Protein backbone atom coordinates (compact mmCIF):
# COMPACT_ATOMS: atom_id res chain seq x y z
CA MET A 1 58.44 84.86 89.19
CA ASN A 2 61.51 84.87 91.06
CA GLY A 3 64.59 86.37 89.90
CA LEU A 4 65.34 89.92 88.57
CA VAL A 5 62.15 90.89 86.68
CA ALA A 6 61.74 94.64 85.06
CA ALA A 7 58.64 95.93 83.31
CA ASP A 8 57.96 98.96 81.33
CA LEU A 9 61.07 100.74 82.11
CA ARG A 10 61.05 104.22 80.79
CA LEU A 11 63.64 106.66 81.55
CA ARG A 12 64.47 109.88 79.62
CA LEU A 13 68.13 111.66 79.56
CA GLY A 14 68.26 114.83 78.39
CA ALA A 15 66.01 114.88 75.24
CA GLN A 16 66.93 110.86 74.75
CA GLN A 17 63.92 108.90 75.87
CA VAL A 18 66.31 105.82 76.56
CA LEU A 19 64.20 102.92 78.00
CA ASP A 20 60.90 103.50 76.25
CA GLY A 21 58.83 100.55 77.95
CA ALA A 22 61.57 98.01 78.06
CA SER A 23 60.66 94.66 79.86
CA PHE A 24 63.08 92.10 81.05
CA ALA A 25 63.88 89.34 83.28
CA LEU A 26 66.60 87.43 84.59
CA ARG A 27 65.88 84.07 85.99
CA ALA A 28 68.25 81.60 88.04
CA GLY A 29 70.00 79.41 85.36
CA GLU A 30 70.28 81.09 82.79
CA MET A 31 72.99 83.13 80.61
CA VAL A 32 72.02 86.24 78.67
CA LEU A 33 73.09 88.27 76.26
CA LEU A 34 72.06 92.08 76.06
CA ALA A 35 72.97 94.08 73.12
CA GLY A 36 72.29 96.77 70.81
CA ARG A 37 73.69 99.67 69.38
CA ASN A 38 75.88 102.07 71.11
CA GLY A 39 73.36 104.42 73.09
CA ALA A 40 70.86 102.08 72.88
CA GLY A 41 70.56 102.18 76.79
CA LYS A 42 72.04 98.79 77.53
CA THR A 43 74.25 100.48 80.12
CA THR A 44 71.32 102.71 81.24
CA LEU A 45 68.78 99.41 81.55
CA LEU A 46 71.88 97.48 83.86
CA ARG A 47 71.97 100.42 86.42
CA THR A 48 68.48 100.49 86.39
CA LEU A 49 68.49 96.46 87.64
CA ILE A 50 70.53 97.22 90.47
CA GLY A 51 69.20 100.38 91.71
CA ALA A 52 71.89 102.75 90.73
CA ILE A 53 69.29 104.89 88.52
CA THR A 54 65.66 105.13 89.12
CA PRO A 55 63.23 104.88 86.08
CA ALA A 56 60.61 107.54 85.56
CA GLY A 57 57.97 104.53 85.18
CA GLY A 58 58.01 100.76 85.32
CA ARG A 59 59.24 98.43 88.04
CA VAL A 60 62.14 96.28 88.84
CA GLU A 61 61.48 93.20 91.35
CA LEU A 62 64.18 91.39 92.58
CA GLU A 63 62.78 87.75 94.40
CA GLY A 64 59.29 89.15 93.87
CA LYS A 65 59.63 92.33 96.20
CA PRO A 66 60.53 95.89 94.80
CA LEU A 67 64.06 96.75 94.27
CA ALA A 68 64.10 99.93 96.05
CA SER A 69 62.48 97.93 99.10
CA TRP A 70 65.75 96.08 99.79
CA PRO A 71 68.36 97.55 101.85
CA GLY A 72 71.65 97.63 101.04
CA ARG A 73 73.19 95.13 101.99
CA ALA A 74 71.14 93.06 101.23
CA ARG A 75 70.72 93.63 97.82
CA ALA A 76 74.21 93.82 96.90
CA ARG A 77 74.42 90.11 98.48
CA GLN A 78 71.89 89.04 95.55
CA LEU A 79 73.04 91.22 92.81
CA ALA A 80 76.70 91.53 92.16
CA PHE A 81 77.46 93.94 89.12
CA VAL A 82 80.86 94.90 86.98
CA PRO A 83 81.12 98.06 85.13
CA GLN A 84 82.12 99.20 81.76
CA SER A 85 85.06 101.31 83.31
CA VAL A 86 86.56 101.46 87.01
CA ASP A 87 87.79 104.40 88.59
CA THR A 88 90.30 103.45 91.66
CA PRO A 89 91.04 106.65 92.66
CA PHE A 90 93.24 105.48 95.67
CA GLU A 91 96.61 102.88 95.46
CA PHE A 92 94.65 99.80 95.84
CA THR A 93 96.06 96.81 95.53
CA GLY A 94 93.70 94.46 92.84
CA ARG A 95 93.42 92.10 96.19
CA GLU A 96 92.20 94.77 97.92
CA LEU A 97 90.04 95.84 95.65
CA VAL A 98 88.13 91.73 95.34
CA THR A 99 87.71 91.97 99.34
CA MET A 100 85.33 94.59 99.08
CA GLY A 101 83.41 92.29 97.29
CA ARG A 102 83.13 90.33 100.70
CA HIS A 103 81.75 93.61 102.37
CA PRO A 104 77.75 92.56 101.95
CA HIS A 105 78.77 89.75 104.33
CA ARG A 106 80.29 91.23 106.93
CA GLY A 107 79.52 94.08 109.59
CA ARG A 108 81.26 96.97 109.88
CA GLY A 109 84.88 96.96 111.08
CA GLU A 110 84.15 93.17 111.69
CA ALA A 111 87.07 90.98 110.19
CA LEU A 112 87.53 88.77 107.46
CA GLN A 113 86.16 85.24 108.40
CA PRO A 114 87.75 81.87 106.87
CA ASP A 115 84.96 82.09 104.26
CA ASP A 116 85.39 85.30 103.12
CA LEU A 117 89.55 84.41 102.58
CA ALA A 118 88.42 81.32 100.79
CA ALA A 119 86.03 83.36 98.43
CA ILE A 120 88.48 85.82 97.66
CA GLU A 121 91.13 82.92 96.75
CA LYS A 122 88.38 81.40 94.45
CA ALA A 123 87.70 84.57 93.03
CA LEU A 124 91.04 85.56 92.28
CA ALA A 125 91.94 82.00 90.31
CA ALA A 126 89.25 82.22 88.57
CA VAL A 127 89.96 85.06 86.47
CA ASP A 128 93.44 83.98 86.49
CA ALA A 129 94.75 87.19 88.57
CA GLY A 130 96.98 85.56 90.97
CA SER A 131 100.37 86.41 89.81
CA PHE A 132 99.51 90.14 89.99
CA ALA A 133 96.44 90.21 92.72
CA ASP A 134 99.16 91.93 95.32
CA ARG A 135 99.90 94.82 92.82
CA ARG A 136 98.66 98.29 92.50
CA VAL A 137 95.84 98.24 90.60
CA THR A 138 97.46 101.80 88.85
CA THR A 139 100.59 99.30 87.75
CA LEU A 140 98.34 96.68 85.98
CA SER A 141 97.01 96.88 82.71
CA GLY A 142 93.93 97.52 81.07
CA GLY A 143 93.05 93.44 81.16
CA GLU A 144 94.26 92.78 84.38
CA GLN A 145 92.19 95.77 85.96
CA ARG A 146 89.00 94.37 83.87
CA ARG A 147 89.78 90.62 85.51
CA ILE A 148 90.00 92.06 88.64
CA ALA A 149 86.59 94.41 88.21
CA VAL A 150 84.89 90.49 87.73
CA ALA A 151 86.67 88.84 90.39
CA ARG A 152 85.59 91.41 92.87
CA ALA A 153 82.12 91.14 91.46
CA LEU A 154 82.45 87.07 91.74
CA ALA A 155 83.64 87.62 95.40
CA THR A 156 80.07 88.45 96.45
CA ASP A 157 79.03 85.36 95.63
CA ALA A 158 75.60 86.69 94.67
CA PRO A 159 73.18 84.60 92.81
CA LEU A 160 72.59 86.99 90.02
CA LEU A 161 75.56 88.64 87.98
CA LEU A 162 75.30 91.73 85.69
CA LEU A 163 78.47 92.71 83.33
CA ASP A 164 78.92 95.82 81.27
CA GLU A 165 81.22 94.85 78.36
CA PRO A 166 83.01 92.40 80.74
CA THR A 167 85.55 91.24 77.61
CA ASN A 168 86.72 94.76 76.98
CA ASN A 169 90.94 94.58 76.99
CA LEU A 170 90.63 91.47 77.49
CA ASP A 171 92.74 88.86 75.12
CA LEU A 172 91.56 85.98 73.45
CA GLU A 173 92.88 83.36 75.70
CA HIS A 174 91.18 85.24 78.89
CA ALA A 175 88.04 86.23 76.71
CA LEU A 176 87.34 82.66 76.10
CA GLN A 177 88.12 81.71 79.62
CA LEU A 178 85.92 84.51 81.35
CA VAL A 179 83.29 83.30 78.42
CA GLY A 180 83.57 79.84 79.52
CA MET A 181 83.52 80.32 83.49
CA LEU A 182 80.60 82.67 82.90
CA ARG A 183 78.63 79.63 81.15
CA ARG A 184 79.75 77.11 84.25
CA MET A 185 78.42 79.42 86.36
CA ALA A 186 74.81 80.09 84.86
CA THR A 187 74.77 76.21 84.22
CA ALA A 188 75.45 75.49 88.25
CA GLY A 189 72.35 77.92 89.07
CA ARG A 190 73.37 81.79 89.03
CA GLY A 191 71.68 84.07 86.59
CA VAL A 192 74.02 85.75 84.50
CA LEU A 193 73.39 88.70 82.18
CA VAL A 194 75.95 90.53 80.09
CA ALA A 195 75.73 93.28 77.86
CA SER A 196 78.57 93.35 74.76
CA HIS A 197 78.72 93.91 71.17
CA ASP A 198 80.56 90.65 70.91
CA LEU A 199 77.93 88.69 69.37
CA ASN A 200 80.13 86.11 67.70
CA LEU A 201 81.85 85.35 71.22
CA ILE A 202 79.27 85.22 73.60
CA ALA A 203 75.76 84.54 71.87
CA PRO A 204 76.64 80.85 71.27
CA GLN A 205 77.63 80.18 74.76
CA CYS A 206 73.84 81.98 75.91
CA ASP A 207 70.09 80.69 76.28
CA ARG A 208 68.65 84.21 75.22
CA VAL A 209 69.93 87.02 73.80
CA VAL A 210 67.95 90.31 73.94
CA LEU A 211 68.50 92.97 71.92
CA LEU A 212 67.69 96.60 72.72
CA HIS A 213 66.36 99.16 70.21
CA GLN A 214 65.09 103.15 70.10
CA GLY A 215 64.62 102.31 74.02
CA GLN A 216 62.70 98.68 74.04
CA VAL A 217 63.30 94.66 73.74
CA PHE A 218 63.14 94.59 69.78
CA ALA A 219 63.74 90.97 70.63
CA ASP A 220 64.08 88.43 73.41
CA ALA A 221 64.52 84.72 72.06
CA ALA A 222 67.38 81.90 71.82
CA PRO A 223 70.52 83.16 70.15
CA GLU A 224 69.67 81.80 66.93
CA ALA A 225 65.94 83.30 66.55
CA ALA A 226 66.45 86.25 67.93
CA LEU A 227 70.25 86.94 65.58
CA THR A 228 68.25 86.29 62.57
CA ALA A 229 69.14 88.56 59.52
CA ALA A 230 66.27 90.83 59.58
CA ASN A 231 66.65 91.45 63.14
CA VAL A 232 70.19 92.25 62.91
CA ALA A 233 69.50 94.30 59.91
CA ALA A 234 66.43 95.81 61.70
CA VAL A 235 68.86 96.76 65.03
CA PHE A 236 71.99 97.12 63.75
CA GLY A 237 71.62 98.30 60.17
CA VAL A 238 73.69 95.78 58.68
CA ARG A 239 74.05 92.60 56.85
CA SER A 240 74.53 89.58 58.13
CA THR A 241 74.98 85.74 56.48
CA THR A 242 76.72 82.78 57.27
CA PRO A 243 80.71 82.39 57.16
CA GLY A 244 81.50 80.82 53.68
CA GLY A 245 85.58 82.46 54.15
CA PHE A 246 88.32 82.67 56.51
CA PHE A 247 86.24 84.68 58.83
CA PRO A 248 84.72 84.28 61.78
CA ARG A 249 86.95 81.90 62.97
CA GLN A 250 85.82 79.53 65.99
CA PHE A 251 87.97 79.35 68.84
CA GLY A 252 87.86 77.18 72.16
CA LEU A 253 90.16 76.85 75.17
């Protein structure tokens, strides 16, 4: 099966077995929510899927080939990643950071081409960042920086997009815009994996929900099958009921 496939991933960090036989697949044309408690290993799994962490056991394959066999730039053209937090040590503008998303398509020192410039503008417009794109990122709010980080990943035009808590720091309007955009991207053929705690906002837009618990995939199914009261109790340790009062509200654009 093409796409991104992980099988029997195992990884220990210090005394903790963070991944303990986790298996997962992301296919083109689907949007998947990855959820679990803090410390469940969601970020570690994402970083393993992009090759930033090498597992102690198991395998990751991209388009049927071992992920480690892909040259760095070729891998970057296939996989785009939005981390949970982004450190920017230099005074880059937002546009300059988004431009870095085109580096996998250009040789060292090669000038940007019209298709690069178009991809950059399209990515900025997709996250409504045009009004602050030319400001230094150190002057931007947390939500504005988040939108620039997403735009940088979008600019790669990679067919697979992985995002770690992408709605953090976003106001309700821009969070809804982002989730709607990700849903449209999946419908158009990209594979989208979102790690998030916001089940109410993101799960209804997803084709599948993957629950990570104690280093393993506890559930991998359509949202209504994955997020049963029993599964929520086992994974999160809380009760869940069908809303009958004022909350949760349903929002839309």
